[in-house]
Amino acid sequence: MRYRLTFIAGLATGYVLGARAGRERYEQLRKAAQRVAQNPAVRNSAETVALTGRETAAKAFGAVSAKVGDRLPGPVSDRVRSLREQRASDEDEWGTSNT
């Protein structure tokens, strides 16, 4: 209940502040956000973070599945094995260049 009240209070605050700022300020903020998002340095940094996150997740998946793989029920271990085989044959489908 506490989280719901916090959410509603945040929603109300955002509405009031947004109504006071008006459409013009909204458009200024939107254009500024687009400029930041289209900046090549920001895009490359975001791409690097995403790639590092995927690599870390893959390593964690391998380590955890290797440790608990033999203790899992049959269908779960079959699914893990299937995911390992699928991961080994797939390349990075997200791509690494956006410039």
N, C-alpha and C. Protein backbone atom coordinates (compact mmCIF):
# COMPACT_ATOMS: atom_id res chain seq x y z
N MET A 1 0.82 -1.19 0.00
CA MET A 1 0.00 0.00 0.00
C MET A 1 0.86 1.26 0.00
N ARG A 2 1.98 1.18 0.73
CA ARG A 2 2.87 2.33 0.80
C ARG A 2 3.42 2.69 -0.59
N TYR A 3 3.76 1.67 -1.36
CA TYR A 3 4.31 1.92 -2.68
C TYR A 3 3.25 2.49 -3.61
N ARG A 4 2.04 2.06 -3.45
CA ARG A 4 0.96 2.57 -4.28
C ARG A 4 0.73 4.05 -3.99
N LEU A 5 0.74 4.40 -2.70
CA LEU A 5 0.58 5.81 -2.34
C LEU A 5 1.73 6.66 -2.85
N THR A 6 2.95 6.12 -2.78
CA THR A 6 4.11 6.84 -3.29
C THR A 6 3.98 7.06 -4.79
N PHE A 7 3.53 6.04 -5.49
CA PHE A 7 3.36 6.14 -6.93
C PHE A 7 2.30 7.20 -7.27
N ILE A 8 1.19 7.16 -6.57
CA ILE A 8 0.11 8.12 -6.83
C ILE A 8 0.57 9.55 -6.52
N ALA A 9 1.33 9.71 -5.43
CA ALA A 9 1.84 11.04 -5.10
C ALA A 9 2.81 11.53 -6.18
N GLY A 10 3.66 10.66 -6.66
CA GLY A 10 4.59 11.02 -7.74
C GLY A 10 3.86 11.36 -9.03
N LEU A 11 2.83 10.60 -9.32
CA LEU A 11 2.03 10.86 -10.51
C LEU A 11 1.34 12.22 -10.41
N ALA A 12 0.77 12.51 -9.25
CA ALA A 12 0.10 13.80 -9.06
C ALA A 12 1.09 14.96 -9.14
N THR A 13 2.26 14.79 -8.53
CA THR A 13 3.29 15.83 -8.59
C THR A 13 3.73 16.07 -10.02
N GLY A 14 3.96 15.01 -10.77
CA GLY A 14 4.35 15.14 -12.16
C GLY A 14 3.29 15.83 -13.00
N TYR A 15 2.04 15.50 -12.73
CA TYR A 15 0.94 16.15 -13.47
C TYR A 15 0.89 17.65 -13.19
N VAL A 16 0.99 18.00 -11.91
CA VAL A 16 0.93 19.42 -11.54
C VAL A 16 2.10 20.18 -12.14
N LEU A 17 3.29 19.64 -12.00
CA LEU A 17 4.47 20.33 -12.55
C LEU A 17 4.39 20.40 -14.07
N GLY A 18 3.92 19.35 -14.68
CA GLY A 18 3.78 19.35 -16.13
C GLY A 18 2.76 20.35 -16.61
N ALA A 19 1.67 20.47 -15.88
CA ALA A 19 0.64 21.43 -16.26
C ALA A 19 1.14 22.86 -16.11
N ARG A 20 1.96 23.11 -15.10
CA ARG A 20 2.50 24.45 -14.90
C ARG A 20 3.53 24.79 -15.97
N ALA A 21 4.33 23.81 -16.35
CA ALA A 21 5.38 24.07 -17.32
C ALA A 21 4.79 24.33 -18.71
N GLY A 22 3.76 23.62 -19.06
CA GLY A 22 3.10 23.83 -20.34
C GLY A 22 3.76 23.08 -21.48
N ARG A 23 3.14 23.20 -22.62
CA ARG A 23 3.58 22.48 -23.82
C ARG A 23 4.94 22.97 -24.31
N GLU A 24 5.19 24.24 -24.21
CA GLU A 24 6.44 24.80 -24.71
C GLU A 24 7.65 24.19 -23.98
N ARG A 25 7.56 24.13 -22.67
CA ARG A 25 8.66 23.57 -21.89
C ARG A 25 8.80 22.08 -22.18
N TYR A 26 7.67 21.39 -22.38
CA TYR A 26 7.72 19.98 -22.73
C TYR A 26 8.49 19.79 -24.04
N GLU A 27 8.20 20.61 -25.02
CA GLU A 27 8.89 20.50 -26.32
C GLU A 27 10.38 20.80 -26.17
N GLN A 28 10.74 21.75 -25.32
CA GLN A 28 12.16 22.04 -25.08
C GLN A 28 12.86 20.82 -24.47
N LEU A 29 12.22 20.22 -23.49
CA LEU A 29 12.81 19.04 -22.84
C LEU A 29 12.93 17.87 -23.82
N ARG A 30 11.92 17.69 -24.64
CA ARG A 30 11.93 16.60 -25.61
C ARG A 30 13.05 16.78 -26.63
N LYS A 31 13.22 18.00 -27.13
CA LYS A 31 14.29 18.27 -28.10
C LYS A 31 15.67 18.10 -27.47
N ALA A 32 15.81 18.51 -26.22
CA ALA A 32 17.09 18.34 -25.53
C ALA A 32 17.39 16.86 -25.34
N ALA A 33 16.39 16.07 -25.00
CA ALA A 33 16.59 14.63 -24.82
C ALA A 33 16.96 13.97 -26.14
N GLN A 34 16.35 14.41 -27.24
CA GLN A 34 16.69 13.86 -28.55
C GLN A 34 18.13 14.20 -28.93
N ARG A 35 18.57 15.44 -28.64
CA ARG A 35 19.95 15.82 -28.95
C ARG A 35 20.93 14.94 -28.18
N VAL A 36 20.63 14.70 -26.92
CA VAL A 36 21.51 13.85 -26.11
C VAL A 36 21.52 12.43 -26.66
N ALA A 37 20.35 11.91 -26.98
CA ALA A 37 20.25 10.54 -27.47
C ALA A 37 20.94 10.36 -28.82
N GLN A 38 20.99 11.39 -29.63
CA GLN A 38 21.61 11.29 -30.94
C GLN A 38 23.10 11.61 -30.94
N ASN A 39 23.62 12.01 -29.81
CA ASN A 39 25.03 12.31 -29.69
C ASN A 39 25.83 11.02 -29.87
N PRO A 40 26.81 10.98 -30.78
CA PRO A 40 27.57 9.76 -31.02
C PRO A 40 28.30 9.24 -29.77
N ALA A 41 28.80 10.11 -28.94
CA ALA A 41 29.49 9.66 -27.73
C ALA A 41 28.53 8.95 -26.79
N VAL A 42 27.34 9.48 -26.65
CA VAL A 42 26.33 8.86 -25.79
C VAL A 42 25.90 7.51 -26.37
N ARG A 43 25.70 7.47 -27.67
CA ARG A 43 25.28 6.22 -28.31
C ARG A 43 26.35 5.15 -28.17
N ASN A 44 27.62 5.53 -28.38
CA ASN A 44 28.70 4.55 -28.24
C ASN A 44 28.83 4.06 -26.81
N SER A 45 28.67 4.97 -25.86
CA SER A 45 28.74 4.57 -24.45
C SER A 45 27.60 3.62 -24.11
N ALA A 46 26.40 3.92 -24.56
CA ALA A 46 25.26 3.05 -24.29
C ALA A 46 25.46 1.68 -24.94
N GLU A 47 26.02 1.68 -26.13
CA GLU A 47 26.29 0.43 -26.83
C GLU A 47 27.32 -0.41 -26.08
N THR A 48 28.36 0.24 -25.58
CA THR A 48 29.39 -0.45 -24.82
C THR A 48 28.82 -1.04 -23.54
N VAL A 49 27.99 -0.27 -22.86
CA VAL A 49 27.37 -0.77 -21.63
C VAL A 49 26.47 -1.96 -21.92
N ALA A 50 25.69 -1.88 -22.99
CA ALA A 50 24.80 -2.99 -23.35
C ALA A 50 25.59 -4.24 -23.70
N LEU A 51 26.66 -4.09 -24.44
CA LEU A 51 27.48 -5.23 -24.82
C LEU A 51 28.14 -5.86 -23.60
N THR A 52 28.66 -5.03 -22.71
CA THR A 52 29.27 -5.53 -21.49
C THR A 52 28.23 -6.25 -20.63
N GLY A 53 27.03 -5.70 -20.55
CA GLY A 53 25.97 -6.35 -19.79
C GLY A 53 25.60 -7.70 -20.35
N ARG A 54 25.51 -7.81 -21.67
CA ARG A 54 25.20 -9.10 -22.29
C ARG A 54 26.31 -10.11 -22.03
N GLU A 55 27.57 -9.68 -22.13
CA GLU A 55 28.69 -10.58 -21.87
C GLU A 55 28.69 -11.06 -20.42
N THR A 56 28.44 -10.14 -19.50
CA THR A 56 28.40 -10.49 -18.08
C THR A 56 27.24 -11.45 -17.80
N ALA A 57 26.09 -11.21 -18.41
CA ALA A 57 24.95 -12.10 -18.21
C ALA A 57 25.24 -13.49 -18.77
N ALA A 58 25.92 -13.55 -19.90
CA ALA A 58 26.26 -14.85 -20.48
C ALA A 58 27.23 -15.61 -19.58
N LYS A 59 28.22 -14.91 -19.02
CA LYS A 59 29.16 -15.56 -18.10
C LYS A 59 28.44 -16.06 -16.85
N ALA A 60 27.55 -15.22 -16.31
CA ALA A 60 26.81 -15.61 -15.11
C ALA A 60 25.91 -16.80 -15.41
N PHE A 61 25.27 -16.80 -16.55
CA PHE A 61 24.43 -17.93 -16.94
C PHE A 61 25.24 -19.21 -17.01
N GLY A 62 26.41 -19.13 -17.63
CA GLY A 62 27.27 -20.31 -17.73
C GLY A 62 27.72 -20.81 -16.37
N ALA A 63 28.12 -19.90 -15.51
CA ALA A 63 28.61 -20.30 -14.18
C ALA A 63 27.49 -20.91 -13.34
N VAL A 64 26.34 -20.30 -13.34
CA VAL A 64 25.23 -20.80 -12.52
C VAL A 64 24.72 -22.12 -13.07
N SER A 65 24.56 -22.21 -14.36
CA SER A 65 24.03 -23.46 -14.92
C SER A 65 25.02 -24.60 -14.75
N ALA A 66 26.32 -24.30 -14.75
CA ALA A 66 27.31 -25.36 -14.53
C ALA A 66 27.27 -25.87 -13.09
N LYS A 67 26.99 -24.98 -12.14
CA LYS A 67 26.97 -25.37 -10.73
C LYS A 67 25.68 -26.09 -10.34
N VAL A 68 24.56 -25.65 -10.86
CA VAL A 68 23.29 -26.24 -10.43
C VAL A 68 22.64 -27.11 -11.49
N GLY A 69 23.29 -27.27 -12.62
CA GLY A 69 22.70 -28.03 -13.72
C GLY A 69 22.39 -29.46 -13.38
N ASP A 70 23.24 -30.12 -12.59
CA ASP A 70 22.99 -31.52 -12.26
C ASP A 70 21.96 -31.69 -11.16
N ARG A 71 21.60 -30.63 -10.48
CA ARG A 71 20.61 -30.71 -9.39
C ARG A 71 19.21 -30.30 -9.83
N LEU A 72 19.06 -29.95 -11.08
CA LEU A 72 17.77 -29.49 -11.57
C LEU A 72 16.91 -30.67 -12.03
N PRO A 73 15.59 -30.51 -12.02
CA PRO A 73 14.72 -31.55 -12.57
C PRO A 73 14.98 -31.73 -14.07
N GLY A 74 14.61 -32.86 -14.58
CA GLY A 74 14.87 -33.21 -15.98
C GLY A 74 14.45 -32.18 -17.01
N PRO A 75 13.20 -31.73 -17.00
CA PRO A 75 12.78 -30.75 -18.01
C PRO A 75 13.54 -29.43 -17.93
N VAL A 76 13.88 -29.01 -16.73
CA VAL A 76 14.61 -27.77 -16.57
C VAL A 76 16.03 -27.92 -17.11
N SER A 77 16.68 -29.03 -16.79
CA SER A 77 18.04 -29.23 -17.29
C SER A 77 18.05 -29.39 -18.80
N ASP A 78 17.00 -29.98 -19.37
CA ASP A 78 16.90 -30.06 -20.83
C ASP A 78 16.80 -28.67 -21.45
N ARG A 79 16.03 -27.81 -20.80
CA ARG A 79 15.88 -26.44 -21.31
C ARG A 79 17.20 -25.68 -21.21
N VAL A 80 17.92 -25.86 -20.11
CA VAL A 80 19.22 -25.21 -19.94
C VAL A 80 20.19 -25.69 -21.01
N ARG A 81 20.20 -26.98 -21.25
CA ARG A 81 21.08 -27.53 -22.29
C ARG A 81 20.72 -26.95 -23.65
N SER A 82 19.42 -26.84 -23.92
CA SER A 82 18.97 -26.27 -25.18
C SER A 82 19.42 -24.82 -25.32
N LEU A 83 19.31 -24.07 -24.24
CA LEU A 83 19.75 -22.67 -24.28
C LEU A 83 21.25 -22.56 -24.49
N ARG A 84 22.02 -23.44 -23.85
CA ARG A 84 23.48 -23.44 -24.05
C ARG A 84 23.83 -23.69 -25.51
N GLU A 85 23.19 -24.69 -26.10
CA GLU A 85 23.48 -25.02 -27.50
C GLU A 85 23.07 -23.87 -28.41
N GLN A 86 21.94 -23.28 -28.12
CA GLN A 86 21.45 -22.16 -28.92
C GLN A 86 22.39 -20.97 -28.80
N ARG A 87 22.87 -20.71 -27.59
CA ARG A 87 23.77 -19.58 -27.34
C ARG A 87 25.11 -19.79 -28.03
N ALA A 88 25.57 -21.03 -28.09
CA ALA A 88 26.87 -21.32 -28.71
C ALA A 88 26.82 -21.07 -30.21
N SER A 89 25.67 -21.32 -30.84
CA SER A 89 25.58 -21.18 -32.28
C SER A 89 25.20 -19.77 -32.72
N ASP A 90 24.63 -18.99 -31.82
CA ASP A 90 24.17 -17.64 -32.18
C ASP A 90 25.28 -16.62 -32.03
N GLU A 91 25.29 -15.68 -32.93
CA GLU A 91 26.15 -14.52 -32.78
C GLU A 91 25.32 -13.43 -32.15
N ASP A 92 25.91 -12.31 -31.90
CA ASP A 92 25.22 -11.18 -31.30
C ASP A 92 24.24 -10.60 -32.32
N GLU A 93 22.95 -10.86 -32.13
CA GLU A 93 21.98 -10.37 -33.10
C GLU A 93 21.63 -8.91 -32.94
N TRP A 94 22.14 -8.27 -31.91
CA TRP A 94 21.87 -6.86 -31.68
C TRP A 94 22.77 -5.97 -32.51
N GLY A 95 23.88 -6.48 -32.95
CA GLY A 95 24.82 -5.66 -33.69
C GLY A 95 25.69 -4.85 -32.73
N THR A 96 26.79 -4.36 -33.25
CA THR A 96 27.70 -3.61 -32.39
C THR A 96 28.02 -2.23 -32.92
N SER A 97 27.40 -1.85 -34.01
CA SER A 97 27.69 -0.53 -34.54
C SER A 97 26.41 0.21 -34.84
N ASN A 98 26.32 1.40 -34.35
CA ASN A 98 25.13 2.20 -34.63
C ASN A 98 25.50 3.58 -35.16
N THR A 99 26.71 3.71 -35.63
CA THR A 99 27.13 5.00 -36.17
C THR A 99 27.38 4.89 -37.64
